[in-house]
Amino acid sequence: MLKAHIKRGDDVVVISGSHKGKEGKILEILPAKYRARVEGVAMVKRHLKKTQESPQGSISEREGSIHISNLMLKSVYDASKRAKAEVSAT
């Protein structure tokens, strides 16, 4: 069982990797791989087959997954950011 510092619905900030600094809400946790899907972050393109609903097929964009070690709760991130600003100001 995955014991994580985040859960579905939390607002998070990406603290590391190619999407560093982006914010979003957690849509899904993937416990088997220790990853999470974050709204609007790590967008990937999916090619969809032809179906009755879309006879031409299509390319849709959806969220990819990010390792949970690269995510931090937005409230904790803001608190640490403020603390660092106060220390550097004095």
N, C-alpha and C. Protein backbone atom coordinates (compact mmCIF):
# COMPACT_ATOMS: atom_id res chain seq x y z
N MET A 1 0.85 -1.19 0.00
CA MET A 1 0.00 0.00 0.00
C MET A 1 0.89 1.24 0.00
N LEU A 2 0.53 2.20 -0.82
CA LEU A 2 1.29 3.44 -0.96
C LEU A 2 0.96 4.40 0.17
N LYS A 3 1.98 4.88 0.86
CA LYS A 3 1.81 5.90 1.89
C LYS A 3 2.37 7.18 1.31
N ALA A 4 1.50 8.08 0.87
CA ALA A 4 1.95 9.28 0.18
C ALA A 4 1.59 10.53 0.97
N HIS A 5 2.31 11.60 0.69
CA HIS A 5 2.07 12.88 1.33
C HIS A 5 0.98 13.68 0.61
N ILE A 6 0.46 13.13 -0.47
CA ILE A 6 -0.57 13.80 -1.26
C ILE A 6 -1.73 12.84 -1.49
N LYS A 7 -2.89 13.40 -1.83
CA LYS A 7 -4.04 12.56 -2.16
C LYS A 7 -4.84 13.24 -3.27
N ARG A 8 -5.80 12.52 -3.80
CA ARG A 8 -6.61 13.03 -4.91
C ARG A 8 -7.35 14.29 -4.47
N GLY A 9 -7.33 15.31 -5.32
CA GLY A 9 -8.02 16.56 -5.02
C GLY A 9 -7.14 17.63 -4.42
N ASP A 10 -5.92 17.28 -3.97
CA ASP A 10 -5.00 18.26 -3.39
C ASP A 10 -4.45 19.18 -4.48
N ASP A 11 -4.19 20.44 -4.11
CA ASP A 11 -3.48 21.37 -4.99
C ASP A 11 -1.99 21.18 -4.76
N VAL A 12 -1.24 20.96 -5.83
CA VAL A 12 0.19 20.67 -5.71
C VAL A 12 1.00 21.55 -6.65
N VAL A 13 2.31 21.61 -6.38
CA VAL A 13 3.28 22.31 -7.22
C VAL A 13 4.34 21.30 -7.60
N VAL A 14 4.77 21.33 -8.86
CA VAL A 14 5.85 20.46 -9.32
C VAL A 14 7.16 21.13 -8.91
N ILE A 15 7.98 20.44 -8.12
CA ILE A 15 9.20 21.05 -7.58
C ILE A 15 10.46 20.61 -8.32
N SER A 16 10.33 19.66 -9.24
CA SER A 16 11.52 19.15 -9.92
C SER A 16 11.13 18.59 -11.28
N GLY A 17 12.06 18.59 -12.21
CA GLY A 17 11.82 18.00 -13.52
C GLY A 17 11.49 19.05 -14.57
N SER A 18 11.10 18.60 -15.73
CA SER A 18 10.86 19.51 -16.85
C SER A 18 9.61 20.36 -16.68
N HIS A 19 8.75 20.01 -15.74
CA HIS A 19 7.52 20.79 -15.50
C HIS A 19 7.61 21.59 -14.21
N LYS A 20 8.82 21.87 -13.75
CA LYS A 20 9.06 22.56 -12.48
C LYS A 20 8.32 23.90 -12.45
N GLY A 21 7.63 24.15 -11.33
CA GLY A 21 6.94 25.42 -11.13
C GLY A 21 5.47 25.39 -11.52
N LYS A 22 5.03 24.38 -12.25
CA LYS A 22 3.63 24.30 -12.65
C LYS A 22 2.77 23.83 -11.48
N GLU A 23 1.53 24.31 -11.46
CA GLU A 23 0.61 23.98 -10.38
C GLU A 23 -0.63 23.32 -10.95
N GLY A 24 -1.31 22.53 -10.12
CA GLY A 24 -2.55 21.91 -10.54
C GLY A 24 -3.14 21.06 -9.44
N LYS A 25 -4.29 20.47 -9.75
CA LYS A 25 -4.99 19.62 -8.80
C LYS A 25 -4.75 18.17 -9.19
N ILE A 26 -4.58 17.31 -8.20
CA ILE A 26 -4.34 15.89 -8.46
C ILE A 26 -5.65 15.24 -8.92
N LEU A 27 -5.61 14.63 -10.10
CA LEU A 27 -6.77 13.95 -10.66
C LEU A 27 -6.81 12.49 -10.26
N GLU A 28 -5.62 11.88 -10.15
CA GLU A 28 -5.55 10.43 -9.92
C GLU A 28 -4.18 10.07 -9.35
N ILE A 29 -4.16 9.11 -8.44
CA ILE A 29 -2.91 8.55 -7.91
C ILE A 29 -2.74 7.15 -8.49
N LEU A 30 -1.56 6.85 -8.97
CA LEU A 30 -1.24 5.52 -9.52
C LEU A 30 -0.30 4.84 -8.53
N PRO A 31 -0.84 4.13 -7.52
CA PRO A 31 -0.01 3.61 -6.43
C PRO A 31 1.00 2.56 -6.87
N ALA A 32 0.71 1.78 -7.89
CA ALA A 32 1.64 0.72 -8.32
C ALA A 32 2.94 1.31 -8.84
N LYS A 33 2.89 2.51 -9.41
CA LYS A 33 4.08 3.13 -9.99
C LYS A 33 4.57 4.35 -9.21
N TYR A 34 3.92 4.69 -8.08
CA TYR A 34 4.27 5.87 -7.28
C TYR A 34 4.19 7.14 -8.11
N ARG A 35 3.13 7.26 -8.91
CA ARG A 35 2.98 8.41 -9.78
C ARG A 35 1.59 9.01 -9.60
N ALA A 36 1.41 10.23 -10.11
CA ALA A 36 0.13 10.92 -10.01
C ALA A 36 -0.13 11.68 -11.31
N ARG A 37 -1.40 11.86 -11.63
CA ARG A 37 -1.80 12.69 -12.76
C ARG A 37 -2.24 14.04 -12.19
N VAL A 38 -1.66 15.12 -12.71
CA VAL A 38 -1.95 16.47 -12.23
C VAL A 38 -2.60 17.25 -13.36
N GLU A 39 -3.68 17.94 -13.04
CA GLU A 39 -4.47 18.68 -14.02
C GLU A 39 -3.62 19.73 -14.72
N GLY A 40 -3.53 19.64 -16.05
CA GLY A 40 -2.83 20.63 -16.86
C GLY A 40 -1.31 20.51 -16.88
N VAL A 41 -0.75 19.45 -16.30
CA VAL A 41 0.71 19.28 -16.24
C VAL A 41 1.08 17.99 -16.98
N ALA A 42 2.20 18.01 -17.68
CA ALA A 42 2.74 16.84 -18.40
C ALA A 42 1.75 16.34 -19.44
N MET A 43 1.26 17.24 -20.27
CA MET A 43 0.28 16.87 -21.29
C MET A 43 0.92 15.99 -22.36
N VAL A 44 0.22 14.92 -22.73
CA VAL A 44 0.67 14.01 -23.78
C VAL A 44 -0.45 13.86 -24.81
N LYS A 45 -0.06 13.53 -26.03
CA LYS A 45 -1.04 13.34 -27.09
C LYS A 45 -1.37 11.87 -27.25
N ARG A 46 -2.65 11.55 -27.32
CA ARG A 46 -3.11 10.18 -27.50
C ARG A 46 -3.80 10.09 -28.87
N HIS A 47 -3.40 9.11 -29.65
CA HIS A 47 -4.01 8.89 -30.96
C HIS A 47 -5.16 7.90 -30.78
N LEU A 48 -6.37 8.32 -31.16
CA LEU A 48 -7.56 7.49 -30.97
C LEU A 48 -7.97 6.87 -32.29
N LYS A 49 -8.39 5.60 -32.24
CA LYS A 49 -8.83 4.88 -33.43
C LYS A 49 -10.14 5.44 -33.96
N LYS A 50 -10.45 5.10 -35.20
CA LYS A 50 -11.73 5.47 -35.78
C LYS A 50 -12.84 4.70 -35.07
N THR A 51 -13.91 5.40 -34.70
CA THR A 51 -15.08 4.79 -34.08
C THR A 51 -16.32 5.41 -34.68
N GLN A 52 -17.49 4.95 -34.24
CA GLN A 52 -18.73 5.55 -34.74
C GLN A 52 -18.86 6.99 -34.27
N GLU A 53 -18.38 7.29 -33.05
CA GLU A 53 -18.48 8.66 -32.54
C GLU A 53 -17.55 9.61 -33.30
N SER A 54 -16.35 9.13 -33.63
CA SER A 54 -15.41 9.96 -34.40
C SER A 54 -14.92 9.15 -35.60
N PRO A 55 -15.63 9.24 -36.73
CA PRO A 55 -15.29 8.41 -37.89
C PRO A 55 -13.91 8.71 -38.49
N GLN A 56 -13.36 9.88 -38.24
CA GLN A 56 -12.03 10.22 -38.75
C GLN A 56 -10.92 9.78 -37.80
N GLY A 57 -11.27 9.43 -36.56
CA GLY A 57 -10.24 9.22 -35.54
C GLY A 57 -9.81 10.59 -35.04
N SER A 58 -8.98 10.65 -34.05
CA SER A 58 -8.55 11.96 -33.56
C SER A 58 -7.29 11.84 -32.73
N ILE A 59 -6.74 13.00 -32.44
CA ILE A 59 -5.59 13.09 -31.54
C ILE A 59 -6.06 13.94 -30.37
N SER A 60 -6.11 13.33 -29.18
CA SER A 60 -6.54 14.08 -28.01
C SER A 60 -5.34 14.32 -27.09
N GLU A 61 -5.46 15.36 -26.29
CA GLU A 61 -4.39 15.69 -25.36
C GLU A 61 -4.90 15.44 -23.95
N ARG A 62 -4.10 14.73 -23.14
CA ARG A 62 -4.49 14.47 -21.76
C ARG A 62 -3.26 14.49 -20.87
N GLU A 63 -3.48 14.42 -19.57
CA GLU A 63 -2.40 14.51 -18.61
C GLU A 63 -1.60 13.22 -18.55
N GLY A 64 -0.28 13.36 -18.52
CA GLY A 64 0.60 12.23 -18.27
C GLY A 64 0.82 12.12 -16.77
N SER A 65 1.66 11.21 -16.34
CA SER A 65 1.88 11.04 -14.91
C SER A 65 3.23 11.61 -14.50
N ILE A 66 3.32 11.99 -13.22
CA ILE A 66 4.53 12.55 -12.63
C ILE A 66 4.82 11.77 -11.36
N HIS A 67 6.08 11.48 -11.09
CA HIS A 67 6.45 10.77 -9.87
C HIS A 67 6.10 11.62 -8.66
N ILE A 68 5.56 10.99 -7.61
CA ILE A 68 5.06 11.76 -6.47
C ILE A 68 6.18 12.45 -5.70
N SER A 69 7.42 12.01 -5.85
CA SER A 69 8.53 12.68 -5.17
C SER A 69 8.78 14.07 -5.76
N ASN A 70 8.28 14.33 -6.96
CA ASN A 70 8.46 15.62 -7.61
C ASN A 70 7.31 16.58 -7.32
N LEU A 71 6.39 16.20 -6.43
CA LEU A 71 5.23 17.03 -6.12
C LEU A 71 5.27 17.47 -4.66
N MET A 72 4.76 18.69 -4.41
CA MET A 72 4.67 19.22 -3.06
C MET A 72 3.33 19.92 -2.92
N LEU A 73 2.71 19.78 -1.75
CA LEU A 73 1.45 20.48 -1.50
C LEU A 73 1.66 21.98 -1.67
N LYS A 74 0.70 22.64 -2.30
CA LYS A 74 0.81 24.08 -2.57
C LYS A 74 0.91 24.87 -1.28
N SER A 75 0.16 24.50 -0.26
CA SER A 75 0.20 25.22 1.01
C SER A 75 1.58 25.14 1.66
N VAL A 76 2.21 23.97 1.61
CA VAL A 76 3.55 23.79 2.17
C VAL A 76 4.57 24.58 1.35
N TYR A 77 4.41 24.55 0.03
CA TYR A 77 5.32 25.27 -0.87
C TYR A 77 5.25 26.77 -0.60
N ASP A 78 4.04 27.32 -0.47
CA ASP A 78 3.87 28.74 -0.21
C ASP A 78 4.46 29.12 1.14
N ALA A 79 4.28 28.28 2.15
CA ALA A 79 4.82 28.56 3.48
C ALA A 79 6.34 28.58 3.45
N SER A 80 6.95 27.63 2.76
CA SER A 80 8.40 27.58 2.71
C SER A 80 8.95 28.73 1.89
N LYS A 81 8.25 29.14 0.86
CA LYS A 81 8.66 30.25 0.02
C LYS A 81 8.67 31.55 0.83
N ARG A 82 7.63 31.74 1.64
CA ARG A 82 7.52 32.92 2.49
C ARG A 82 8.64 32.94 3.53
N ALA A 83 8.93 31.79 4.13
CA ALA A 83 9.96 31.70 5.15
C ALA A 83 11.33 32.03 4.56
N LYS A 84 11.60 31.55 3.37
CA LYS A 84 12.88 31.86 2.71
C LYS A 84 12.99 33.34 2.40
N ALA A 85 11.90 33.98 2.00
CA ALA A 85 11.91 35.41 1.68
C ALA A 85 12.18 36.24 2.93
N GLU A 86 11.63 35.84 4.08
CA GLU A 86 11.85 36.57 5.33
C GLU A 86 13.30 36.46 5.78
N VAL A 87 13.90 35.28 5.63
CA VAL A 87 15.28 35.07 6.03
C VAL A 87 16.22 35.91 5.16
N SER A 88 15.99 35.95 3.86
CA SER A 88 16.86 36.70 2.96
C SER A 88 16.67 38.21 3.11
N ALA A 89 15.50 38.66 3.60
CA ALA A 89 15.24 40.08 3.77
C ALA A 89 15.99 40.65 4.98
N THR A 90 16.25 39.82 5.98
CA THR A 90 16.93 40.32 7.20
C THR A 90 18.42 40.23 7.13
